[in-house]
Amino acid sequence: MSGRFDNQVMIVTGAAQGIGRAVAARAAGEGARLLLVDRSELVHQVAEELLGQGAPALALTADLETYAGAQAMVDAAVEAFGRIDISVHNVGGTIWMKPFWEYQEEEMVKEINRSLWPTLWSCRAVVPVMIAQGRGSIVNVGSNATRGIHRVPYSAAKGGVHAMTTCMAMELADKGIRVNAVSPGAVDNGQRAIPRNPKPMSEQETIWQRETYDQVMRDTMMGRMGTQEEIAAAICFYASNDASYITGQTCFVAGGSIG
């Protein structure tokens, strides 16, 4: 039986772990030809695992907080595969959880740099290729943190991801390009291979983090955390031709919570 992504070229960013890795594994199982991108060298191990399973997968380390990194990603995909059918932009993640007035200037800059620019730069780099092809599918990863506490800079970045998704979809629909967002809620990521903040939390920071998780779970109708595979399933749906008449949408895959 053929797969949904047979012979389709897919970029997955933030593919070294978590949701990105789950998307890569699912897409590989459905026939995708993959370029996996991360700034961590661990992304090469992911590609090697998929290659060992017979999936055509390449890895690239790049800093997607810069346009140069995003352009290098797109150039690598075109050089290796000749085109880009799908681009999944998954880089991001809150670094700190605390009241807005507790954020320092440099912390706010780091939150925006991590969770807004990689998606904006990646879209800017990949869109010209898709326009030239006359087709393409972009899936941006947002967050339900746009309605939550203790993550205002991160929430602002993900709100920007939602907004760029809608606006790009409006501009690109007549060029054969669909742009959608999948926005997770609380996800059980287990032990992260690459910590978002390697510094140990203070007692107060631990309290703020617990308050954040408590709020998220109160707003989650299903009363549980999601899995990486559940988020990957939604991303792959929007990426695929199964969603051929869907664009400009933000889908909250968050157990009933919304952003």
Foldseek 3Di string as FASTA:
>chain_A
DAFLAALAEEEFEPCLAFLSVLLVVVVQVRHYQYEYEEQDPSSQVSQVVSVVVVGNYHYDHFQLLDLVRLLVSQVVSCVVRVAHAEYEQEWADQQAFAAPVPDDPVNLVVRLSGQARSVVSNCVNRVVRLLVVLAHEYEYEAAQCCPFHRRVSNNVRSVNVLVVQLVVQVVCVRSHYAGEYEHEAAECRDDDPDHSYPDDDDPVRVVSVVVRVVGSQVQQQQNDHHYSNLSSVVRVCRRGCVCSVDHSYYHYPYNRHHD
